[in-house]
All heavy atoms as atom14 arrays in JSON, in Angstrom:
{
  "sequence": "ADMAIYPWIVQYDRHGQNLSDFPQLKRWF",
  "atom14_mask": [
    [1, 1, 1, 1, 1, 0, 0, 0, 0, 0, 0, 0, 0, 0],
    [1, 1, 1, 1, 1, 1, 1, 1, 0, 0, 0, 0, 0, 0],
    [1, 1, 1, 1, 1, 1, 1, 1, 0, 0, 0, 0, 0, 0],
    [1, 1, 1, 1, 1, 0, 0, 0, 0, 0, 0, 0, 0, 0],
    [1, 1, 1, 1, 1, 1, 1, 1, 0, 0, 0, 0, 0, 0],
    [1, 1, 1, 1, 1, 1, 1, 1, 1, 1, 1, 1, 0, 0],
    [1, 1, 1, 1, 1, 1, 1, 0, 0, 0, 0, 0, 0, 0],
    [1, 1, 1, 1, 1, 1, 1, 1, 1, 1, 1, 1, 1, 1],
    [1, 1, 1, 1, 1, 1, 1, 1, 0, 0, 0, 0, 0, 0],
    [1, 1, 1, 1, 1, 1, 1, 0, 0, 0, 0, 0, 0, 0],
    [1, 1, 1, 1, 1, 1, 1, 1, 1, 0, 0, 0, 0, 0],
    [1, 1, 1, 1, 1, 1, 1, 1, 1, 1, 1, 1, 0, 0],
    [1, 1, 1, 1, 1, 1, 1, 1, 0, 0, 0, 0, 0, 0],
    [1, 1, 1, 1, 1, 1, 1, 1, 1, 1, 1, 0, 0, 0],
    [1, 1, 1, 1, 1, 1, 1, 1, 1, 1, 0, 0, 0, 0],
    [1, 1, 1, 1, 0, 0, 0, 0, 0, 0, 0, 0, 0, 0],
    [1, 1, 1, 1, 1, 1, 1, 1, 1, 0, 0, 0, 0, 0],
    [1, 1, 1, 1, 1, 1, 1, 1, 0, 0, 0, 0, 0, 0],
    [1, 1, 1, 1, 1, 1, 1, 1, 0, 0, 0, 0, 0, 0],
    [1, 1, 1, 1, 1, 1, 0, 0, 0, 0, 0, 0, 0, 0],
    [1, 1, 1, 1, 1, 1, 1, 1, 0, 0, 0, 0, 0, 0],
    [1, 1, 1, 1, 1, 1, 1, 1, 1, 1, 1, 0, 0, 0],
    [1, 1, 1, 1, 1, 1, 1, 0, 0, 0, 0, 0, 0, 0],
    [1, 1, 1, 1, 1, 1, 1, 1, 1, 0, 0, 0, 0, 0],
    [1, 1, 1, 1, 1, 1, 1, 1, 0, 0, 0, 0, 0, 0],
    [1, 1, 1, 1, 1, 1, 1, 1, 1, 0, 0, 0, 0, 0],
    [1, 1, 1, 1, 1, 1, 1, 1, 1, 1, 1, 0, 0, 0],
    [1, 1, 1, 1, 1, 1, 1, 1, 1, 1, 1, 1, 1, 1],
    [1, 1, 1, 1, 1, 1, 1, 1, 1, 1, 1, 0, 0, 0]
  ],
  "atom14_positions": [
    [[0.65, 14.57, 1.63], [0.23, 13.39, 2.4], [0.36, 12.13, 1.55], [0.88, 11.1, 2.02], [-1.21, 13.57, 2.89], [0.0, 0.0, 0.0], [0.0, 0.0, 0.0], [0.0, 0.0, 0.0], [0.0, 0.0, 0.0], [0.0, 0.0, 0.0], [0.0, 0.0, 0.0], [0.0, 0.0, 0.0], [0.0, 0.0, 0.0], [0.0, 0.0, 0.0]],
    [[-0.09, 12.19, 0.32], [0.05, 11.03, -0.58], [1.52, 10.71, -0.83], [1.91, 9.54, -0.85], [-0.65, 11.32, -1.91], [-2.12, 11.61, -1.75], [-2.9, 10.65, -1.58], [-2.5, 12.79, -1.77], [0.0, 0.0, 0.0], [0.0, 0.0, 0.0], [0.0, 0.0, 0.0], [0.0, 0.0, 0.0], [0.0, 0.0, 0.0], [0.0, 0.0, 0.0]],
    [[2.32, 11.74, -1.03], [3.75, 11.52, -1.29], [4.44, 10.87, -0.1], [5.36, 10.06, -0.28], [4.42, 12.86, -1.61], [3.88, 13.56, -2.83], [4.71, 15.15, -3.05], [3.49, 16.01, -4.05], [0.0, 0.0, 0.0], [0.0, 0.0, 0.0], [0.0, 0.0, 0.0], [0.0, 0.0, 0.0], [0.0, 0.0, 0.0], [0.0, 0.0, 0.0]],
    [[4.02, 11.24, 1.1], [4.64, 10.68, 2.3], [4.25, 9.23, 2.51], [5.07, 8.4, 2.95], [4.23, 11.51, 3.52], [0.0, 0.0, 0.0], [0.0, 0.0, 0.0], [0.0, 0.0, 0.0], [0.0, 0.0, 0.0], [0.0, 0.0, 0.0], [0.0, 0.0, 0.0], [0.0, 0.0, 0.0], [0.0, 0.0, 0.0], [0.0, 0.0, 0.0]],
    [[3.01, 8.89, 2.2], [2.49, 7.55, 2.48], [2.94, 6.53, 1.43], [3.3, 5.39, 1.78], [0.96, 7.6, 2.56], [0.52, 8.41, 3.79], [0.36, 6.19, 2.61], [-0.95, 8.77, 3.8], [0.0, 0.0, 0.0], [0.0, 0.0, 0.0], [0.0, 0.0, 0.0], [0.0, 0.0, 0.0], [0.0, 0.0, 0.0], [0.0, 0.0, 0.0]],
    [[2.94, 6.92, 0.18], [3.15, 5.96, -0.91], [4.42, 5.11, -0.75], [4.35, 3.87, -0.88], [3.15, 6.67, -2.27], [3.47, 5.75, -3.42], [2.48, 4.95, -3.99], [4.77, 5.65, -3.92], [2.77, 4.08, -5.02], [5.06, 4.78, -4.95], [4.07, 4.0, -5.5], [4.37, 3.13, -6.51], [0.0, 0.0, 0.0], [0.0, 0.0, 0.0]],
    [[5.6, 5.69, -0.49], [6.81, 4.84, -0.47], [6.78, 3.77, 0.62], [7.47, 2.75, 0.49], [7.94, 5.86, -0.21], [7.4, 7.16, -0.71], [5.94, 7.12, -0.36], [0.0, 0.0, 0.0], [0.0, 0.0, 0.0], [0.0, 0.0, 0.0], [0.0, 0.0, 0.0], [0.0, 0.0, 0.0], [0.0, 0.0, 0.0], [0.0, 0.0, 0.0]],
    [[6.0, 4.0, 1.67], [5.9, 2.97, 2.7], [5.01, 1.82, 2.26], [5.24, 0.66, 2.65], [5.4, 3.6, 4.0], [6.48, 4.41, 4.65], [6.64, 5.77, 4.61], [7.59, 3.91, 5.38], [7.78, 6.14, 5.27], [8.39, 5.01, 5.76], [8.0, 2.63, 5.76], [9.55, 4.88, 6.51], [9.17, 2.48, 6.5], [9.93, 3.61, 6.85]],
    [[4.01, 2.08, 1.45], [3.14, 1.01, 0.97], [3.85, 0.17, -0.08], [3.53, -1.02, -0.26], [1.83, 1.59, 0.42], [1.12, 2.44, 1.48], [0.9, 0.47, -0.07], [0.71, 1.68, 2.72], [0.0, 0.0, 0.0], [0.0, 0.0, 0.0], [0.0, 0.0, 0.0], [0.0, 0.0, 0.0], [0.0, 0.0, 0.0], [0.0, 0.0, 0.0]],
    [[4.83, 0.74, -0.78], [5.58, 0.0, -1.79], [6.13, -1.31, -1.22], [6.21, -2.33, -1.92], [6.72, 0.87, -2.36], [7.69, 0.04, -3.19], [6.14, 2.01, -3.21], [0.0, 0.0, 0.0], [0.0, 0.0, 0.0], [0.0, 0.0, 0.0], [0.0, 0.0, 0.0], [0.0, 0.0, 0.0], [0.0, 0.0, 0.0], [0.0, 0.0, 0.0]],
    [[6.47, -1.31, 0.05], [7.08, -2.5, 0.67], [6.03, -3.4, 1.33], [6.34, -4.12, 2.29], [8.13, -2.06, 1.68], [9.29, -1.31, 1.05], [10.42, -1.03, 2.02], [10.31, -1.27, 3.22], [11.53, -0.53, 1.5], [0.0, 0.0, 0.0], [0.0, 0.0, 0.0], [0.0, 0.0, 0.0], [0.0, 0.0, 0.0], [0.0, 0.0, 0.0]],
    [[4.82, -3.4, 0.82], [3.74, -4.16, 1.46], [4.06, -5.64, 1.64], [3.63, -6.27, 2.61], [2.43, -3.99, 0.68], [2.44, -4.54, -0.72], [2.11, -5.87, -0.97], [2.78, -3.73, -1.81], [2.12, -6.37, -2.26], [2.79, -4.23, -3.1], [2.46, -5.55, -3.33], [2.48, -6.05, -4.59], [0.0, 0.0, 0.0], [0.0, 0.0, 0.0]],
    [[4.82, -6.21, 0.7], [5.14, -7.63, 0.83], [6.03, -7.88, 2.04], [5.86, -8.89, 2.75], [5.78, -8.17, -0.45], [7.01, -7.39, -0.88], [7.16, -6.21, -0.46], [7.84, -7.94, -1.62], [0.0, 0.0, 0.0], [0.0, 0.0, 0.0], [0.0, 0.0, 0.0], [0.0, 0.0, 0.0], [0.0, 0.0, 0.0], [0.0, 0.0, 0.0]],
    [[6.94, -6.96, 2.32], [7.79, -7.09, 3.5], [6.99, -6.88, 4.78], [7.42, -7.3, 5.86], [8.97, -6.12, 3.44], [9.94, -6.43, 2.31], [11.15, -5.53, 2.34], [12.06, -5.82, 1.22], [13.2, -5.2, 1.0], [13.59, -4.23, 1.82], [13.96, -5.52, -0.04], [0.0, 0.0, 0.0], [0.0, 0.0, 0.0], [0.0, 0.0, 0.0]],
    [[5.86, -6.22, 4.66], [4.99, -6.0, 5.83], [4.06, -7.18, 6.07], [3.27, -7.16, 7.0], [4.14, -4.75, 5.63], [4.93, -3.52, 5.33], [4.38, -2.43, 4.69], [6.22, -3.2, 5.58], [5.31, -1.5, 4.54], [6.43, -1.94, 5.07], [0.0, 0.0, 0.0], [0.0, 0.0, 0.0], [0.0, 0.0, 0.0], [0.0, 0.0, 0.0]],
    [[4.13, -8.19, 5.2], [3.26, -9.34, 5.35], [1.82, -9.06, 4.97], [0.9, -9.69, 5.5], [0.0, 0.0, 0.0], [0.0, 0.0, 0.0], [0.0, 0.0, 0.0], [0.0, 0.0, 0.0], [0.0, 0.0, 0.0], [0.0, 0.0, 0.0], [0.0, 0.0, 0.0], [0.0, 0.0, 0.0], [0.0, 0.0, 0.0], [0.0, 0.0, 0.0]],
    [[1.62, -8.13, 4.03], [0.27, -7.72, 3.65], [-0.02, -8.06, 2.2], [0.89, -8.12, 1.37], [0.1, -6.21, 3.86], [0.45, -5.73, 5.26], [-0.37, -6.4, 6.34], [-1.59, -6.58, 6.19], [0.27, -6.78, 7.44], [0.0, 0.0, 0.0], [0.0, 0.0, 0.0], [0.0, 0.0, 0.0], [0.0, 0.0, 0.0], [0.0, 0.0, 0.0]],
    [[-1.3, -8.26, 1.9], [-1.79, -8.5, 0.56], [-2.68, -7.33, 0.18], [-3.74, -7.12, 0.8], [-2.58, -9.81, 0.52], [-3.07, -10.17, -0.86], [-3.03, -9.35, -1.79], [-3.56, -11.39, -1.02], [0.0, 0.0, 0.0], [0.0, 0.0, 0.0], [0.0, 0.0, 0.0], [0.0, 0.0, 0.0], [0.0, 0.0, 0.0], [0.0, 0.0, 0.0]],
    [[-2.28, -6.58, -0.83], [-3.04, -5.39, -1.19], [-4.44, -5.72, -1.67], [-5.34, -4.87, -1.6], [-2.3, -4.57, -2.25], [-1.13, -3.72, -1.78], [-0.7, -2.77, -2.9], [-1.48, -2.92, -0.53], [0.0, 0.0, 0.0], [0.0, 0.0, 0.0], [0.0, 0.0, 0.0], [0.0, 0.0, 0.0], [0.0, 0.0, 0.0], [0.0, 0.0, 0.0]],
    [[-4.67, -6.93, -2.14], [-6.01, -7.31, -2.58], [-7.0, -7.31, -1.42], [-8.22, -7.25, -1.64], [-5.98, -8.68, -3.24], [-5.21, -8.64, -4.44], [0.0, 0.0, 0.0], [0.0, 0.0, 0.0], [0.0, 0.0, 0.0], [0.0, 0.0, 0.0], [0.0, 0.0, 0.0], [0.0, 0.0, 0.0], [0.0, 0.0, 0.0], [0.0, 0.0, 0.0]],
    [[-6.48, -7.38, -0.19], [-7.35, -7.31, 0.99], [-7.83, -5.88, 1.24], [-8.72, -5.68, 2.08], [-6.61, -7.81, 2.23], [-6.25, -9.28, 2.15], [-6.93, -10.02, 1.4], [-5.3, -9.7, 2.83], [0.0, 0.0, 0.0], [0.0, 0.0, 0.0], [0.0, 0.0, 0.0], [0.0, 0.0, 0.0], [0.0, 0.0, 0.0], [0.0, 0.0, 0.0]],
    [[-7.25, -4.92, 0.53], [-7.55, -3.51, 0.75], [-7.83, -2.85, -0.61], [-6.97, -2.16, -1.16], [-6.38, -2.82, 1.46], [-5.95, -3.51, 2.73], [-4.89, -4.41, 2.73], [-6.62, -3.28, 3.91], [-4.5, -5.05, 3.89], [-6.24, -3.91, 5.09], [-5.18, -4.81, 5.08], [0.0, 0.0, 0.0], [0.0, 0.0, 0.0], [0.0, 0.0, 0.0]],
    [[-8.99, -3.06, -1.18], [-9.23, -2.65, -2.57], [-9.13, -1.15, -2.81], [-8.64, -0.75, -3.88], [-10.66, -3.15, -2.84], [-11.27, -3.4, -1.5], [-10.14, -3.79, -0.6], [0.0, 0.0, 0.0], [0.0, 0.0, 0.0], [0.0, 0.0, 0.0], [0.0, 0.0, 0.0], [0.0, 0.0, 0.0], [0.0, 0.0, 0.0], [0.0, 0.0, 0.0]],
    [[-9.54, -0.32, -1.86], [-9.42, 1.12, -2.07], [-7.96, 1.57, -2.01], [-7.51, 2.4, -2.8], [-10.26, 1.88, -1.02], [-11.71, 1.49, -1.0], [-12.39, 1.65, -2.34], [-12.09, 2.57, -3.11], [-13.32, 0.75, -2.64], [0.0, 0.0, 0.0], [0.0, 0.0, 0.0], [0.0, 0.0, 0.0], [0.0, 0.0, 0.0], [0.0, 0.0, 0.0]],
    [[-7.24, 0.99, -1.08], [-5.8, 1.27, -0.98], [-5.08, 0.81, -2.23], [-4.21, 1.52, -2.77], [-5.24, 0.58, 0.26], [-3.72, 0.58, 0.44], [-3.15, 1.99, 0.41], [-3.34, -0.13, 1.73], [0.0, 0.0, 0.0], [0.0, 0.0, 0.0], [0.0, 0.0, 0.0], [0.0, 0.0, 0.0], [0.0, 0.0, 0.0], [0.0, 0.0, 0.0]],
    [[-5.43, -0.36, -2.73], [-4.78, -0.88, -3.94], [-5.04, 0.03, -5.12], [-4.13, 0.32, -5.91], [-5.28, -2.29, -4.23], [-4.61, -2.94, -5.43], [-5.11, -4.36, -5.66], [-4.43, -4.99, -6.85], [-4.91, -6.37, -7.11], [0.0, 0.0, 0.0], [0.0, 0.0, 0.0], [0.0, 0.0, 0.0], [0.0, 0.0, 0.0], [0.0, 0.0, 0.0]],
    [[-6.27, 0.49, -5.28], [-6.61, 1.4, -6.38], [-5.79, 2.67, -6.3], [-5.21, 3.13, -7.29], [-8.1, 1.7, -6.32], [-8.63, 2.61, -7.43], [-8.72, 4.06, -6.96], [-9.45, 4.17, -5.71], [-9.33, 5.23, -4.91], [-8.51, 6.23, -5.21], [-10.03, 5.29, -3.79], [0.0, 0.0, 0.0], [0.0, 0.0, 0.0], [0.0, 0.0, 0.0]],
    [[-5.7, 3.26, -5.11], [-4.9, 4.49, -4.9], [-3.43, 4.21, -5.17], [-2.75, 5.0, -5.84], [-5.11, 4.97, -3.47], [-4.16, 6.02, -3.0], [-4.29, 7.37, -3.12], [-2.92, 5.8, -2.3], [-3.22, 8.02, -2.55], [-2.36, 7.07, -2.04], [-2.25, 4.66, -1.87], [-1.15, 7.23, -1.37], [-1.03, 4.82, -1.21], [-0.5, 6.09, -0.98]],
    [[-2.92, 3.1, -4.65], [-1.51, 2.75, -4.79], [-1.12, 2.63, -6.26], [-0.08, 3.15, -6.69], [-1.25, 1.43, -4.06], [0.14, 0.91, -4.19], [1.18, 1.46, -3.48], [0.41, -0.17, -5.02], [2.48, 0.97, -3.59], [1.69, -0.67, -5.15], [2.73, -0.1, -4.43], [0.0, 0.0, 0.0], [0.0, 0.0, 0.0], [0.0, 0.0, 0.0]]
  ]
}
């Protein structure tokens, strides 16, 4: 599950997202 999700979060800037808005996600990422 982690392996599947991680590569999609790598492109967070293209998604218009700021990882600092999601502290638990950022820590995991």
